[in-house]
């Protein structure tokens, strides 16, 4: 979507591009409004540090979230702590709301235990394969319904995932069995280098819900208050037996698809800068300042808090002492002869060369 089309788009919006109120403001306390801003600030700083760490060779390939903080943080604040979050791989802001940890960072450093640790916060381990997590999320929601509890599952995915069969199978199942879930499509304009307009002939991604018999809602994904409001309504509908909702959050990815991607090969930097003028943090900060919820002092304090939090996470993650043999433990649920042979070969190499030969200094 071009900047011009975004400015003229017909979707749910609370704040305009300048941070002025143009729609309904959700009924949130000042503490909660400030918490949303704090989590967005934390997400932005975490993202900047992660890209820097990747460039230094201290973490592996990473998927930047800059520009998408509002949809991730706003939507997750609309959940109860025991609602399940199923994400793709870019929704660091959603994870931040549940509590960033050193274990989360160790996953991006290559250690699978960090992925599994998220379950304690009702966050399902991420699945790199595009759209594979959507049937899992719908199944998790169906299980909750069969058990008779009122847990809701929110599943994040990108616009490119809607071209996969997993999305359509999951959406059809969700509609037929009225599972208590929210399918949250982060339309950031690009599926790697493939623009959204070449992803579908539908006018919007939200309207795909019509085929499966449940509501689809289009929201300004760079507006945290709008994404909160839309998600809250969808979650409450699901919790009360109303079935699923498809949310399309329209936003823009400022950075690369991952740190292995070069976005200058397929888009103009001028366009990116135009989107930055609609930055979700700037817009939301304007809203908070006009209500005397933040001022320069509060903003500086939150920025310092974010720096301290992320620095502590990095220090703790980098103190983790890995076992090189763990690389064989998570390829399959049950080991195979091929994996066993590789493990045995590695054991012989460890014995010959020593464990320290396989660790970065």
Protein backbone atom coordinates (compact mmCIF):
# COMPACT_ATOMS: atom_id res chain seq x y z
CA UNK A 1 0.00 0.00 0.00
CA UNK A 2 1.32 3.44 -0.88
CA UNK A 3 1.44 6.21 1.71
CA UNK A 4 -1.33 8.03 -0.16
CA UNK A 5 -3.62 4.99 -0.07
CA UNK A 6 -2.84 4.48 3.62
CA UNK A 7 -3.81 8.08 4.42
CA UNK A 8 -7.09 7.63 2.57
CA UNK A 9 -7.78 4.05 3.69
CA UNK A 10 -11.15 2.99 5.05
CA UNK A 11 -10.22 1.22 8.28
CA UNK A 12 -10.70 1.51 12.02
CA UNK A 13 -8.56 4.34 13.35
CA UNK A 14 -8.36 6.23 16.65
CA UNK A 15 -5.38 8.49 15.91
CA UNK A 16 -4.56 10.14 12.62
CA UNK A 17 -1.04 10.35 11.19
CA UNK A 18 -0.30 13.35 13.45
CA UNK A 19 -1.54 11.73 16.65
CA UNK A 20 -4.86 13.60 16.77
CA UNK A 21 -7.99 11.75 17.87
CA UNK A 22 -10.28 10.92 14.97
CA UNK A 23 -12.07 7.86 16.40
CA UNK A 24 -13.23 6.26 19.61
CA UNK A 25 -10.63 6.14 22.39
CA UNK A 26 -10.75 2.89 24.37
CA UNK A 27 -11.58 3.16 28.05
CA UNK A 28 -8.12 2.62 29.51
CA UNK A 29 -6.57 3.96 32.69
CA UNK A 30 -3.62 6.33 32.51
CA UNK A 31 -1.43 3.55 33.89
CA UNK A 32 -2.46 1.22 31.08
CA UNK A 33 -2.02 3.95 28.45
CA UNK A 34 1.48 4.54 29.79
CA UNK A 35 2.21 0.79 29.87
CA UNK A 36 1.40 0.56 26.17
CA UNK A 37 3.89 3.35 25.46
CA UNK A 38 6.52 1.75 27.71
CA UNK A 39 6.21 -1.56 25.85
CA UNK A 40 6.41 0.16 22.48
CA UNK A 41 9.56 2.00 23.59
CA UNK A 42 11.06 -1.26 24.86
CA UNK A 43 10.25 -3.02 21.60
CA UNK A 44 11.84 -0.27 19.50
CA UNK A 45 15.06 -0.28 21.54
CA UNK A 46 15.22 -4.08 21.66
CA UNK A 47 14.83 -4.14 17.89
CA UNK A 48 17.63 -1.61 17.35
CA UNK A 49 19.99 -3.51 19.64
CA UNK A 50 19.18 -6.86 18.04
CA UNK A 51 20.02 -5.60 14.55
CA UNK A 52 23.27 -4.21 15.94
CA UNK A 53 24.09 -7.50 17.66
CA UNK A 54 23.42 -9.42 14.46
CA UNK A 55 25.79 -7.17 12.53
CA UNK A 56 28.42 -7.92 15.17
CA UNK A 57 27.91 -11.67 14.82
CA UNK A 58 26.52 -12.00 18.35
CA UNK A 59 23.07 -13.29 17.29
CA UNK A 60 21.85 -15.10 14.21
CA UNK A 61 19.51 -13.94 11.46
CA UNK A 62 16.86 -11.65 12.96
CA UNK A 63 13.49 -10.29 11.76
CA UNK A 64 13.21 -6.55 12.59
CA UNK A 65 9.90 -5.22 13.90
CA UNK A 66 10.52 -1.47 13.65
CA UNK A 67 7.39 0.31 12.42
CA UNK A 68 5.09 -2.46 13.63
CA UNK A 69 5.22 -1.87 17.38
CA UNK A 70 1.69 -0.45 17.62
CA UNK A 71 -0.14 -3.49 16.25
CA UNK A 72 1.91 -5.94 18.29
CA UNK A 73 1.76 -4.13 21.62
CA UNK A 74 -1.76 -2.74 21.26
CA UNK A 75 -3.29 -6.09 20.35
CA UNK A 76 -1.52 -8.00 23.13
CA UNK A 77 -2.63 -5.53 25.79
CA UNK A 78 -6.19 -6.49 24.84
CA UNK A 79 -5.64 -10.06 26.09
CA UNK A 80 -5.90 -11.67 29.47
CA UNK A 81 -2.68 -13.13 30.84
CA UNK A 82 -4.01 -16.66 30.33
CA UNK A 83 -5.03 -16.08 26.71
CA UNK A 84 -2.65 -17.72 24.28
CA UNK A 85 -0.42 -15.83 21.90
CA UNK A 86 0.75 -17.66 18.76
CA UNK A 87 3.14 -15.56 16.71
CA UNK A 88 5.14 -15.85 13.50
CA UNK A 89 8.65 -14.49 14.15
CA UNK A 90 8.50 -10.67 13.91
CA UNK A 91 6.12 -9.93 16.78
CA UNK A 92 8.73 -9.02 19.39
CA UNK A 93 6.39 -6.36 20.75
CA UNK A 94 3.78 -8.98 21.59
CA UNK A 95 6.42 -10.98 23.44
CA UNK A 96 7.57 -7.79 25.22
CA UNK A 97 4.11 -7.30 26.72
CA UNK A 98 4.35 -10.78 28.22
CA UNK A 99 7.88 -10.10 29.46
CA UNK A 100 11.12 -10.06 27.48
CA UNK A 101 13.67 -12.45 28.92
CA UNK A 102 17.23 -13.58 28.37
CA UNK A 103 15.83 -16.93 27.25
CA UNK A 104 14.01 -15.24 24.38
CA UNK A 105 17.27 -13.70 23.24
CA UNK A 106 19.11 -17.02 23.44
CA UNK A 107 16.69 -18.41 20.86
CA UNK A 108 17.92 -15.79 18.37
CA UNK A 109 21.44 -16.80 19.36
CA UNK A 110 20.67 -20.34 18.18
CA UNK A 111 19.54 -22.15 21.32
CA UNK A 112 16.17 -23.91 21.04
CA UNK A 113 15.49 -23.88 24.79
CA UNK A 114 14.81 -20.15 24.51
CA UNK A 115 11.89 -20.86 22.19
CA UNK A 116 10.31 -23.36 24.58
CA UNK A 117 10.69 -21.02 27.57
CA UNK A 118 7.94 -18.73 26.23
CA UNK A 119 5.25 -21.29 27.05
CA UNK A 120 5.32 -20.18 30.69
CA UNK A 121 3.94 -16.81 29.52
CA UNK A 122 1.25 -18.49 27.38
CA UNK A 123 3.24 -17.75 24.23
CA UNK A 124 3.53 -20.68 21.83
CA UNK A 125 7.01 -21.37 20.42
CA UNK A 126 7.49 -19.57 17.12
CA UNK A 127 7.33 -21.47 13.86
CA UNK A 128 9.57 -20.11 11.10
CA UNK A 129 7.70 -21.97 8.35
CA UNK A 130 5.18 -19.52 6.88
CA UNK A 131 1.58 -20.08 8.07
CA UNK A 132 2.28 -23.41 9.78
CA UNK A 133 1.34 -21.94 13.14
CA UNK A 134 -2.20 -20.97 12.05
CA UNK A 135 -3.69 -24.50 12.13
CA UNK A 136 -1.91 -25.03 15.47
CA UNK A 137 -3.54 -21.87 16.87
CA UNK A 138 -6.99 -22.86 15.65
CA UNK A 139 -6.50 -26.33 17.12
CA UNK A 140 -5.44 -24.81 20.43
CA UNK A 141 -8.58 -22.68 20.43
CA UNK A 142 -10.75 -25.69 19.56
CA UNK A 143 -9.20 -27.57 22.47
CA UNK A 144 -10.11 -24.73 24.82
CA UNK A 145 -13.67 -24.81 23.55
CA UNK A 146 -13.94 -28.58 24.01
CA UNK A 147 -12.60 -28.24 27.55
CA UNK A 148 -15.23 -25.61 28.30
CA UNK A 149 -12.89 -22.86 29.41
CA UNK A 150 -13.00 -19.31 28.07
CA UNK A 151 -9.41 -19.00 26.85
CA UNK A 152 -8.92 -17.14 23.56
CA UNK A 153 -6.04 -17.65 21.12
CA UNK A 154 -4.62 -14.76 19.08
CA UNK A 155 -2.52 -15.84 16.09
CA UNK A 156 -0.18 -13.42 14.30
CA UNK A 157 0.97 -13.91 10.71
CA UNK A 158 2.02 -11.81 7.74
CA UNK A 159 0.09 -11.00 4.58
CA UNK A 160 2.20 -13.54 2.69
CA UNK A 161 0.83 -16.31 4.90
CA UNK A 162 -2.63 -15.83 3.38
CA UNK A 163 -1.30 -17.36 0.15
CA UNK A 164 -0.52 -20.63 1.94
CA UNK A 165 -2.97 -23.49 2.18
CA UNK A 166 -2.48 -23.62 5.94
CA UNK A 167 -4.23 -20.25 6.30
CA UNK A 168 -7.27 -21.30 4.29
CA UNK A 169 -7.60 -24.70 5.94
CA UNK A 170 -7.31 -23.13 9.38
CA UNK A 171 -9.78 -20.34 8.58
CA UNK A 172 -12.31 -22.82 7.21
CA UNK A 173 -11.99 -25.02 10.30
CA UNK A 174 -12.25 -22.00 12.60
CA UNK A 175 -15.43 -20.86 10.87
CA UNK A 176 -17.10 -24.27 10.83
CA UNK A 177 -16.35 -25.07 14.47
CA UNK A 178 -16.59 -21.46 15.72
CA UNK A 179 -13.28 -21.68 17.52
CA UNK A 180 -12.44 -18.89 20.01
CA UNK A 181 -9.55 -17.31 18.14
CA UNK A 182 -8.44 -14.10 16.46
CA UNK A 183 -6.50 -14.48 13.22
CA UNK A 184 -4.30 -11.37 13.19
CA UNK A 185 -2.82 -10.56 9.78
CA UNK A 186 0.05 -8.09 9.93
CA UNK A 187 -0.11 -6.51 6.48
CA UNK A 188 3.20 -4.63 6.39
CA UNK A 189 3.17 -4.17 2.64
CA UNK A 190 5.75 -6.82 1.78
CA UNK A 191 6.21 -10.58 1.87
CA UNK A 192 10.00 -10.32 1.69
CA UNK A 193 10.28 -8.58 -1.73
CA UNK A 194 6.75 -9.45 -2.90
CA UNK A 195 4.34 -6.48 -2.54
CA UNK A 196 0.94 -7.02 -0.94
CA UNK A 197 -0.93 -6.04 -4.11
CA UNK A 198 0.63 -9.04 -5.87
CA UNK A 199 -0.31 -11.32 -3.00
CA UNK A 200 -4.05 -11.24 -3.60
CA UNK A 201 -6.69 -10.01 -6.03
CA UNK A 202 -9.00 -9.26 -3.10
CA UNK A 203 -9.46 -5.60 -2.28
CA UNK A 204 -8.39 -6.29 1.32
CA UNK A 205 -7.09 -9.21 3.32
CA UNK A 206 -9.83 -8.71 5.92
CA UNK A 207 -12.56 -9.52 3.42
CA UNK A 208 -11.20 -13.06 3.04
CA UNK A 209 -13.10 -13.84 6.24
CA UNK A 210 -16.37 -13.59 4.30
CA UNK A 211 -15.65 -16.88 2.55
CA UNK A 212 -15.36 -18.66 5.88
CA UNK A 213 -18.40 -17.21 7.59
CA UNK A 214 -16.94 -14.94 10.25
CA UNK A 215 -16.16 -11.22 10.59
CA UNK A 216 -13.15 -9.51 9.06
CA UNK A 217 -11.97 -6.14 10.34
CA UNK A 218 -9.40 -3.77 8.85
CA UNK A 219 -7.52 -1.56 11.30
CA UNK A 220 -4.73 1.00 11.25
CA UNK A 221 -1.84 -1.15 12.47
CA UNK A 222 0.29 1.92 13.26
CA UNK A 223 -2.28 3.09 15.81
CA UNK A 224 -1.98 1.22 19.16
CA UNK A 225 -5.34 2.43 20.44
CA UNK A 226 -7.20 1.27 17.34
CA UNK A 227 -5.52 -2.14 17.36
CA UNK A 228 -6.29 -2.47 21.06
CA UNK A 229 -9.95 -1.65 20.49
CA UNK A 230 -10.41 -3.96 17.51
CA UNK A 231 -8.61 -6.84 19.19
CA UNK A 232 -10.50 -6.41 22.44
CA UNK A 233 -13.82 -6.56 20.62
CA UNK A 234 -12.75 -9.66 18.69
CA UNK A 235 -11.43 -11.36 21.83
CA UNK A 236 -14.59 -10.70 23.81
CA UNK A 237 -16.72 -11.97 20.94
CA UNK A 238 -14.66 -15.17 20.83
CA UNK A 239 -14.72 -15.54 24.61
CA UNK A 240 -18.52 -15.30 24.66
CA UNK A 241 -19.09 -17.94 21.99
CA UNK A 242 -19.15 -15.69 18.93
CA UNK A 243 -16.38 -17.52 17.10
CA UNK A 244 -13.33 -16.23 15.23
CA UNK A 245 -12.43 -12.87 13.68
CA UNK A 246 -9.88 -12.02 11.01
CA UNK A 247 -8.07 -8.75 11.74
CA UNK A 248 -6.00 -7.06 9.04
CA UNK A 249 -3.60 -4.58 10.61
CA UNK A 250 -2.30 -2.23 7.90
CA UNK A 251 1.21 -0.97 8.65
CA UNK A 252 4.69 -0.72 7.16
CA UNK A 253 7.96 -2.50 7.77
CA UNK A 254 10.73 0.12 7.91
CA UNK A 255 13.60 -2.31 7.97
CA UNK A 256 14.58 -5.44 6.10
CA UNK A 257 12.49 -8.59 6.06
CA UNK A 258 15.34 -10.15 8.00
CA UNK A 259 18.95 -9.17 8.48
CA UNK A 260 19.70 -11.45 5.51
CA UNK A 261 17.55 -9.25 3.23
CA UNK A 262 18.46 -6.11 1.27
CA UNK A 263 15.24 -4.06 0.90
CA UNK A 264 16.97 -1.44 -1.29
CA UNK A 265 16.79 -4.01 -4.08
CA UNK A 266 13.00 -3.77 -4.29
CA UNK A 267 11.82 -0.47 -2.77
CA UNK A 268 12.81 3.18 -2.66
CA UNK A 269 14.24 4.73 0.51
CA UNK A 270 12.11 7.82 -0.18
CA UNK A 271 8.99 5.70 0.35
CA UNK A 272 10.32 4.36 3.64
CA UNK A 273 10.97 7.89 4.86
CA UNK A 274 7.43 8.89 3.98
CA UNK A 275 6.14 6.07 6.18
CA UNK A 276 8.47 7.11 9.00
CA UNK A 277 6.62 10.43 9.10
CA UNK A 278 3.63 8.39 10.34
CA UNK A 279 5.67 6.64 13.01
CA UNK A 280 3.49 4.84 15.59
CA UNK A 281 5.62 5.92 18.58
CA UNK A 282 5.58 9.59 17.58
CA UNK A 283 1.82 9.56 17.02
CA UNK A 284 1.09 7.87 20.31
CA UNK A 285 3.49 10.13 22.20
CA UNK A 286 1.64 13.16 20.85
CA UNK A 287 -1.61 11.70 22.16
CA UNK A 288 -0.09 11.09 25.61
CA UNK A 289 1.55 14.52 25.81
CA UNK A 290 -1.69 16.29 25.03
CA UNK A 291 -3.25 14.46 27.99
CA UNK A 292 -0.31 15.25 30.30
CA UNK A 293 0.45 11.56 30.72
CA UNK A 294 4.05 12.00 29.53
CA UNK A 295 6.48 14.89 29.27
CA UNK A 296 10.17 15.14 28.45
CA UNK A 297 11.17 13.77 31.84
CA UNK A 298 8.89 10.72 31.60
CA UNK A 299 10.02 9.99 28.05
CA UNK A 300 13.68 10.15 29.09
CA UNK A 301 12.99 7.86 32.05
CA UNK A 302 11.26 5.28 29.87
CA UNK A 303 14.09 5.37 27.34
CA UNK A 304 16.63 4.83 30.12
CA UNK A 305 14.50 1.99 31.50
CA UNK A 306 14.39 0.34 28.08
CA UNK A 307 18.16 0.61 27.72
CA UNK A 308 18.74 -0.92 31.14
CA UNK A 309 16.27 -3.75 30.55
CA UNK A 310 17.72 -4.71 27.19
CA UNK A 311 21.31 -4.44 28.42
CA UNK A 312 20.51 -6.77 31.32
CA UNK A 313 18.86 -9.25 28.97
CA UNK A 314 21.86 -9.22 26.64
CA UNK A 315 24.33 -9.70 29.50
CA UNK A 316 22.33 -12.62 30.88
CA UNK A 317 21.89 -14.25 27.47
CA UNK A 318 25.58 -13.97 26.63
CA UNK A 319 26.51 -15.59 29.92
CA UNK A 320 24.65 -18.76 28.90
CA UNK A 321 27.05 -21.70 28.65
CA UNK A 322 25.81 -23.87 25.78
CA UNK A 323 26.34 -27.57 25.21
CA UNK A 324 27.27 -28.05 21.53
CA UNK A 325 25.64 -31.51 21.55
CA UNK A 326 22.22 -29.89 22.00
CA UNK A 327 22.14 -29.14 18.27
CA UNK A 328 21.00 -32.74 17.73
CA UNK A 329 18.27 -32.75 20.37
CA UNK A 330 15.54 -30.75 18.64
CA UNK A 331 15.63 -31.80 14.98
CA UNK A 332 12.92 -34.43 15.56
CA UNK A 333 10.77 -35.49 18.48
CA UNK A 334 12.41 -38.91 18.28
CA UNK A 335 15.93 -39.28 16.99
CA UNK A 336 16.63 -40.95 13.64
CA UNK A 337 19.53 -43.18 12.52
CA UNK A 338 20.92 -40.26 10.53
CA UNK A 339 20.84 -37.92 13.53
CA UNK A 340 22.34 -40.63 15.73
CA UNK A 341 25.21 -41.06 13.28
CA UNK A 342 25.87 -37.32 13.23
CA UNK A 343 25.83 -37.18 17.03
CA UNK A 344 28.30 -40.05 17.26
CA UNK A 345 30.59 -38.38 14.73
CA UNK A 346 30.44 -35.14 16.69
CA UNK A 347 31.22 -36.97 19.92
CA UNK A 348 34.37 -38.36 18.33
CA UNK A 349 35.35 -34.85 17.19
CA UNK A 350 34.76 -33.50 20.70
CA UNK A 351 36.96 -36.20 22.14
CA UNK A 352 39.70 -35.50 19.59
CA UNK A 353 39.68 -31.70 19.56
CA UNK A 354 38.07 -30.72 22.87
CA UNK A 355 34.82 -28.90 23.62
CA UNK A 356 36.35 -25.42 23.49
CA UNK A 357 37.19 -25.87 19.82
CA UNK A 358 33.48 -25.67 19.02
CA UNK A 359 32.66 -22.55 21.02
CA UNK A 360 33.06 -18.95 19.91
CA UNK A 361 35.55 -17.00 22.02
